[in-house]
N, C-alpha and C. Protein backbone atom coordinates (compact mmCIF):
# COMPACT_ATOMS: atom_id res chain seq x y z
N MET A 1 16.78 25.54 19.57
CA MET A 1 17.54 26.76 19.42
C MET A 1 18.35 26.96 20.70
N ASP A 2 19.63 27.30 20.53
CA ASP A 2 20.45 27.52 21.72
C ASP A 2 20.41 28.99 22.13
N ALA A 3 21.15 29.33 23.18
CA ALA A 3 21.14 30.68 23.73
C ALA A 3 21.65 31.73 22.74
N ASP A 4 22.49 31.29 21.78
CA ASP A 4 23.03 32.21 20.78
C ASP A 4 22.16 32.33 19.54
N GLY A 5 21.01 31.66 19.53
CA GLY A 5 20.10 31.75 18.41
C GLY A 5 20.34 30.75 17.29
N PHE A 6 21.26 29.79 17.50
CA PHE A 6 21.51 28.76 16.49
C PHE A 6 20.46 27.66 16.61
N VAL A 7 19.98 27.23 15.45
CA VAL A 7 18.98 26.18 15.40
C VAL A 7 19.67 24.88 15.01
N TYR A 8 19.38 23.80 15.71
CA TYR A 8 19.97 22.50 15.44
C TYR A 8 18.88 21.49 15.12
N ILE A 9 19.13 20.65 14.13
CA ILE A 9 18.22 19.55 13.82
C ILE A 9 18.65 18.40 14.72
N VAL A 10 17.75 17.92 15.56
CA VAL A 10 18.10 16.87 16.51
C VAL A 10 17.56 15.50 16.09
N ASP A 11 16.87 15.44 15.00
CA ASP A 11 16.41 14.18 14.45
C ASP A 11 16.63 14.28 12.95
N ARG A 12 16.17 13.33 12.21
CA ARG A 12 16.40 13.32 10.78
C ARG A 12 15.64 14.45 10.08
N ALA A 13 16.33 15.14 9.19
CA ALA A 13 15.67 16.16 8.39
C ALA A 13 14.72 15.48 7.40
N LYS A 14 15.10 14.31 6.95
CA LYS A 14 14.26 13.50 6.07
C LYS A 14 14.19 12.11 6.68
N ASP A 15 13.13 11.40 6.43
CA ASP A 15 12.98 10.05 6.97
C ASP A 15 13.70 9.07 6.05
N MET A 16 15.03 9.16 6.11
CA MET A 16 15.88 8.36 5.24
C MET A 16 17.13 7.98 6.04
N LEU A 17 17.69 6.83 5.72
CA LEU A 17 18.97 6.46 6.30
C LEU A 17 19.91 6.09 5.16
N ILE A 18 21.20 6.14 5.46
CA ILE A 18 22.19 5.83 4.43
C ILE A 18 22.96 4.60 4.87
N ARG A 19 22.82 3.53 4.09
CA ARG A 19 23.47 2.26 4.39
C ARG A 19 24.55 2.02 3.33
N GLY A 20 25.80 2.18 3.73
CA GLY A 20 26.90 1.93 2.81
C GLY A 20 26.83 2.76 1.54
N GLY A 21 26.38 4.00 1.64
CA GLY A 21 26.29 4.89 0.49
C GLY A 21 24.97 4.80 -0.26
N GLU A 22 24.10 3.89 0.11
CA GLU A 22 22.79 3.73 -0.54
C GLU A 22 21.72 4.39 0.31
N ASN A 23 20.86 5.17 -0.31
CA ASN A 23 19.75 5.80 0.40
C ASN A 23 18.62 4.79 0.60
N VAL A 24 18.15 4.72 1.83
CA VAL A 24 17.01 3.86 2.15
C VAL A 24 15.93 4.75 2.75
N TYR A 25 14.83 4.86 2.03
CA TYR A 25 13.71 5.67 2.52
C TYR A 25 12.84 4.79 3.43
N CYS A 26 12.74 5.21 4.67
CA CYS A 26 12.00 4.44 5.67
C CYS A 26 10.57 4.16 5.22
N ALA A 27 9.93 5.13 4.61
CA ALA A 27 8.54 4.97 4.18
C ALA A 27 8.40 3.83 3.17
N GLU A 28 9.40 3.64 2.31
CA GLU A 28 9.34 2.56 1.33
C GLU A 28 9.37 1.19 2.01
N VAL A 29 10.26 1.04 2.99
CA VAL A 29 10.36 -0.23 3.71
C VAL A 29 9.10 -0.45 4.54
N GLU A 30 8.60 0.60 5.18
CA GLU A 30 7.37 0.48 5.96
C GLU A 30 6.20 0.09 5.08
N ALA A 31 6.09 0.67 3.89
CA ALA A 31 4.99 0.33 2.97
C ALA A 31 5.06 -1.15 2.59
N ALA A 32 6.26 -1.66 2.37
CA ALA A 32 6.41 -3.09 2.04
C ALA A 32 6.02 -3.96 3.23
N LEU A 33 6.39 -3.54 4.43
CA LEU A 33 6.00 -4.29 5.63
C LEU A 33 4.49 -4.32 5.79
N TYR A 34 3.82 -3.19 5.54
CA TYR A 34 2.37 -3.12 5.68
C TYR A 34 1.65 -4.03 4.70
N GLU A 35 2.30 -4.44 3.63
CA GLU A 35 1.70 -5.37 2.69
C GLU A 35 1.56 -6.77 3.28
N HIS A 36 2.36 -7.08 4.29
CA HIS A 36 2.28 -8.41 4.93
C HIS A 36 1.00 -8.47 5.76
N PRO A 37 0.22 -9.52 5.60
CA PRO A 37 -1.08 -9.59 6.29
C PRO A 37 -0.98 -9.65 7.82
N ASP A 38 0.17 -10.04 8.37
CA ASP A 38 0.32 -10.14 9.82
C ASP A 38 0.76 -8.83 10.48
N VAL A 39 1.19 -7.85 9.69
CA VAL A 39 1.74 -6.62 10.25
C VAL A 39 0.62 -5.62 10.51
N LEU A 40 0.49 -5.22 11.77
CA LEU A 40 -0.49 -4.22 12.17
C LEU A 40 0.12 -2.82 12.15
N ASP A 41 1.35 -2.70 12.62
CA ASP A 41 2.02 -1.41 12.69
C ASP A 41 3.52 -1.64 12.60
N CYS A 42 4.25 -0.63 12.13
CA CYS A 42 5.71 -0.78 12.03
C CYS A 42 6.37 0.59 11.95
N ALA A 43 7.66 0.59 12.23
CA ALA A 43 8.49 1.79 12.10
C ALA A 43 9.88 1.34 11.70
N VAL A 44 10.47 2.03 10.76
CA VAL A 44 11.82 1.71 10.31
C VAL A 44 12.76 2.80 10.82
N ILE A 45 13.89 2.36 11.39
CA ILE A 45 14.87 3.28 11.97
C ILE A 45 16.27 2.89 11.50
N GLY A 46 17.18 3.83 11.59
CA GLY A 46 18.58 3.56 11.30
C GLY A 46 19.27 3.03 12.53
N VAL A 47 20.06 1.96 12.35
CA VAL A 47 20.82 1.36 13.44
C VAL A 47 22.30 1.59 13.12
N PRO A 48 23.05 2.21 14.04
CA PRO A 48 24.46 2.50 13.76
C PRO A 48 25.25 1.23 13.41
N HIS A 49 26.16 1.37 12.43
CA HIS A 49 27.03 0.27 12.00
C HIS A 49 28.42 0.85 11.74
N GLU A 50 29.45 0.18 12.23
CA GLU A 50 30.82 0.70 12.14
C GLU A 50 31.31 0.86 10.70
N VAL A 51 30.95 -0.05 9.82
CA VAL A 51 31.45 -0.03 8.45
C VAL A 51 30.47 0.66 7.50
N LEU A 52 29.20 0.31 7.59
CA LEU A 52 28.19 0.81 6.65
C LEU A 52 27.62 2.18 7.02
N GLY A 53 27.89 2.64 8.21
CA GLY A 53 27.29 3.88 8.69
C GLY A 53 26.00 3.59 9.43
N GLU A 54 25.05 2.99 8.73
CA GLU A 54 23.78 2.59 9.33
C GLU A 54 23.31 1.30 8.67
N GLU A 55 22.50 0.59 9.41
CA GLU A 55 21.77 -0.56 8.87
C GLU A 55 20.29 -0.30 9.08
N VAL A 56 19.49 -1.06 8.35
CA VAL A 56 18.04 -0.90 8.45
C VAL A 56 17.54 -1.72 9.64
N GLY A 57 16.73 -1.09 10.48
CA GLY A 57 16.08 -1.77 11.58
C GLY A 57 14.59 -1.50 11.51
N ALA A 58 13.79 -2.47 11.93
CA ALA A 58 12.34 -2.30 11.91
C ALA A 58 11.74 -2.78 13.22
N VAL A 59 10.81 -1.99 13.72
CA VAL A 59 10.02 -2.36 14.89
C VAL A 59 8.65 -2.73 14.36
N VAL A 60 8.18 -3.92 14.70
CA VAL A 60 6.95 -4.44 14.12
C VAL A 60 5.98 -4.84 15.23
N ARG A 61 4.74 -4.46 15.04
CA ARG A 61 3.65 -4.93 15.89
C ARG A 61 2.75 -5.79 15.02
N LEU A 62 2.60 -7.04 15.42
CA LEU A 62 1.79 -7.98 14.64
C LEU A 62 0.33 -7.90 15.05
N ARG A 63 -0.53 -8.33 14.15
CA ARG A 63 -1.96 -8.41 14.45
C ARG A 63 -2.17 -9.49 15.53
N PRO A 64 -3.21 -9.37 16.32
CA PRO A 64 -3.49 -10.39 17.34
C PRO A 64 -3.61 -11.78 16.69
N GLY A 65 -2.92 -12.74 17.27
CA GLY A 65 -2.96 -14.10 16.78
C GLY A 65 -2.00 -14.40 15.64
N ALA A 66 -1.32 -13.38 15.12
CA ALA A 66 -0.38 -13.58 14.01
C ALA A 66 0.91 -14.21 14.53
N ALA A 67 1.58 -14.92 13.64
CA ALA A 67 2.78 -15.65 14.07
C ALA A 67 3.97 -15.42 13.14
N ALA A 68 3.98 -14.34 12.39
CA ALA A 68 5.11 -14.07 11.49
C ALA A 68 6.38 -13.90 12.31
N GLY A 69 7.46 -14.44 11.80
CA GLY A 69 8.75 -14.32 12.47
C GLY A 69 9.73 -13.54 11.62
N PRO A 70 10.93 -13.31 12.16
CA PRO A 70 11.92 -12.52 11.43
C PRO A 70 12.27 -13.09 10.05
N ASP A 71 12.50 -14.38 9.96
CA ASP A 71 12.88 -14.98 8.68
C ASP A 71 11.76 -14.86 7.65
N GLY A 72 10.53 -15.07 8.08
CA GLY A 72 9.39 -14.97 7.17
C GLY A 72 9.19 -13.55 6.67
N LEU A 73 9.34 -12.57 7.57
CA LEU A 73 9.19 -11.18 7.16
C LEU A 73 10.30 -10.77 6.20
N ARG A 74 11.53 -11.20 6.48
CA ARG A 74 12.64 -10.86 5.59
C ARG A 74 12.44 -11.48 4.21
N ALA A 75 11.99 -12.72 4.16
CA ALA A 75 11.73 -13.37 2.86
C ALA A 75 10.63 -12.64 2.10
N PHE A 76 9.60 -12.25 2.81
CA PHE A 76 8.49 -11.49 2.21
C PHE A 76 9.01 -10.17 1.62
N LEU A 77 9.83 -9.46 2.39
CA LEU A 77 10.36 -8.18 1.93
C LEU A 77 11.33 -8.35 0.77
N ALA A 78 12.10 -9.42 0.78
CA ALA A 78 13.08 -9.66 -0.28
C ALA A 78 12.43 -9.76 -1.66
N GLU A 79 11.16 -10.13 -1.68
CA GLU A 79 10.43 -10.21 -2.94
C GLU A 79 9.90 -8.85 -3.40
N ARG A 80 9.98 -7.84 -2.53
CA ARG A 80 9.36 -6.55 -2.82
C ARG A 80 10.33 -5.38 -2.89
N ILE A 81 11.43 -5.46 -2.16
CA ILE A 81 12.38 -4.35 -2.14
C ILE A 81 13.80 -4.87 -2.32
N ALA A 82 14.72 -3.98 -2.62
CA ALA A 82 16.12 -4.36 -2.83
C ALA A 82 16.70 -4.99 -1.56
N ALA A 83 17.63 -5.88 -1.75
CA ALA A 83 18.21 -6.63 -0.63
C ALA A 83 18.83 -5.71 0.44
N PHE A 84 19.46 -4.62 0.02
CA PHE A 84 20.09 -3.73 1.01
C PHE A 84 19.07 -2.97 1.85
N LYS A 85 17.80 -2.99 1.45
CA LYS A 85 16.74 -2.31 2.20
C LYS A 85 16.03 -3.23 3.19
N VAL A 86 16.25 -4.53 3.08
CA VAL A 86 15.62 -5.49 3.99
C VAL A 86 16.23 -5.31 5.38
N PRO A 87 15.42 -5.16 6.42
CA PRO A 87 15.95 -4.90 7.76
C PRO A 87 16.90 -6.00 8.25
N ALA A 88 18.07 -5.55 8.70
CA ALA A 88 19.02 -6.46 9.34
C ALA A 88 18.61 -6.73 10.78
N HIS A 89 17.87 -5.79 11.35
CA HIS A 89 17.41 -5.89 12.74
C HIS A 89 15.89 -5.80 12.76
N LEU A 90 15.26 -6.72 13.46
CA LEU A 90 13.80 -6.71 13.64
C LEU A 90 13.48 -6.84 15.11
N TRP A 91 12.64 -5.95 15.59
CA TRP A 91 12.13 -6.03 16.96
C TRP A 91 10.63 -6.16 16.89
N PHE A 92 10.08 -7.03 17.71
CA PHE A 92 8.63 -7.23 17.76
C PHE A 92 8.11 -6.67 19.08
N ARG A 93 6.99 -5.95 18.99
CA ARG A 93 6.37 -5.36 20.18
C ARG A 93 4.91 -5.78 20.25
N ASP A 94 4.45 -6.01 21.46
CA ASP A 94 3.04 -6.31 21.68
C ASP A 94 2.23 -5.04 21.89
N GLU A 95 2.89 -4.03 22.47
CA GLU A 95 2.19 -2.77 22.76
C GLU A 95 2.26 -1.83 21.56
N GLU A 96 1.43 -0.80 21.61
CA GLU A 96 1.39 0.17 20.53
C GLU A 96 2.73 0.89 20.41
N LEU A 97 3.08 1.28 19.20
CA LEU A 97 4.29 2.05 18.98
C LEU A 97 4.04 3.48 19.46
N PRO A 98 5.06 4.15 19.99
CA PRO A 98 4.85 5.50 20.54
C PRO A 98 4.52 6.51 19.44
N ARG A 99 3.53 7.32 19.72
CA ARG A 99 3.08 8.35 18.78
C ARG A 99 2.83 9.65 19.53
N ASN A 100 2.92 10.75 18.81
CA ASN A 100 2.60 12.04 19.42
C ASN A 100 1.08 12.23 19.35
N PRO A 101 0.55 13.31 19.92
CA PRO A 101 -0.91 13.50 19.94
C PRO A 101 -1.57 13.52 18.55
N SER A 102 -0.81 13.90 17.52
CA SER A 102 -1.40 13.91 16.18
C SER A 102 -1.25 12.57 15.47
N GLY A 103 -0.64 11.58 16.13
CA GLY A 103 -0.55 10.24 15.56
C GLY A 103 0.74 9.92 14.84
N LYS A 104 1.69 10.86 14.81
CA LYS A 104 2.96 10.62 14.13
C LYS A 104 3.85 9.74 14.99
N LEU A 105 4.49 8.75 14.35
CA LEU A 105 5.40 7.86 15.07
C LEU A 105 6.55 8.65 15.68
N LEU A 106 6.91 8.30 16.90
CA LEU A 106 8.03 8.93 17.59
C LEU A 106 9.26 8.05 17.44
N LYS A 107 9.89 8.13 16.29
CA LYS A 107 11.03 7.27 15.99
C LYS A 107 12.23 7.59 16.87
N THR A 108 12.35 8.84 17.28
CA THR A 108 13.44 9.20 18.18
C THR A 108 13.32 8.43 19.48
N ARG A 109 12.11 8.33 19.99
CA ARG A 109 11.88 7.58 21.24
C ARG A 109 12.18 6.09 21.02
N LEU A 110 11.76 5.55 19.88
CA LEU A 110 12.05 4.15 19.60
C LEU A 110 13.55 3.89 19.56
N ARG A 111 14.29 4.76 18.86
CA ARG A 111 15.74 4.60 18.77
C ARG A 111 16.37 4.64 20.16
N THR A 112 15.91 5.57 20.98
CA THR A 112 16.45 5.68 22.34
C THR A 112 16.16 4.42 23.14
N GLU A 113 14.94 3.93 23.07
CA GLU A 113 14.56 2.72 23.82
C GLU A 113 15.36 1.49 23.37
N LEU A 114 15.55 1.36 22.05
CA LEU A 114 16.16 0.15 21.52
C LEU A 114 17.67 0.17 21.45
N LEU A 115 18.26 1.33 21.29
CA LEU A 115 19.69 1.38 21.01
C LEU A 115 20.55 1.92 22.13
N THR A 116 19.94 2.24 23.28
CA THR A 116 20.77 2.73 24.39
C THR A 116 20.71 1.78 25.56
């Protein structure tokens, strides 16, 4: 809220991104990622794109000893979700994904870390 009493939404009102006019619900892509046996944790974020508006990006934490790579994960997802929902960008992290005290993913922090 600013000094004049106006309230601004500073993150997504809904956990959805729009890629070339198509709605992509982050939870749907995350659910498909969690089906992969090597995925321990993940978060899907919108990545700015000049033509499409946004592209799908995913931050993935693999289980210890897992060796899934970007191509394997994309092939796995292609069998489960529409092609336009498959992440164009994949980042792998060894450390835990940032969460608030109640356990909710801090996607704003992830976007800031990865895209700035």
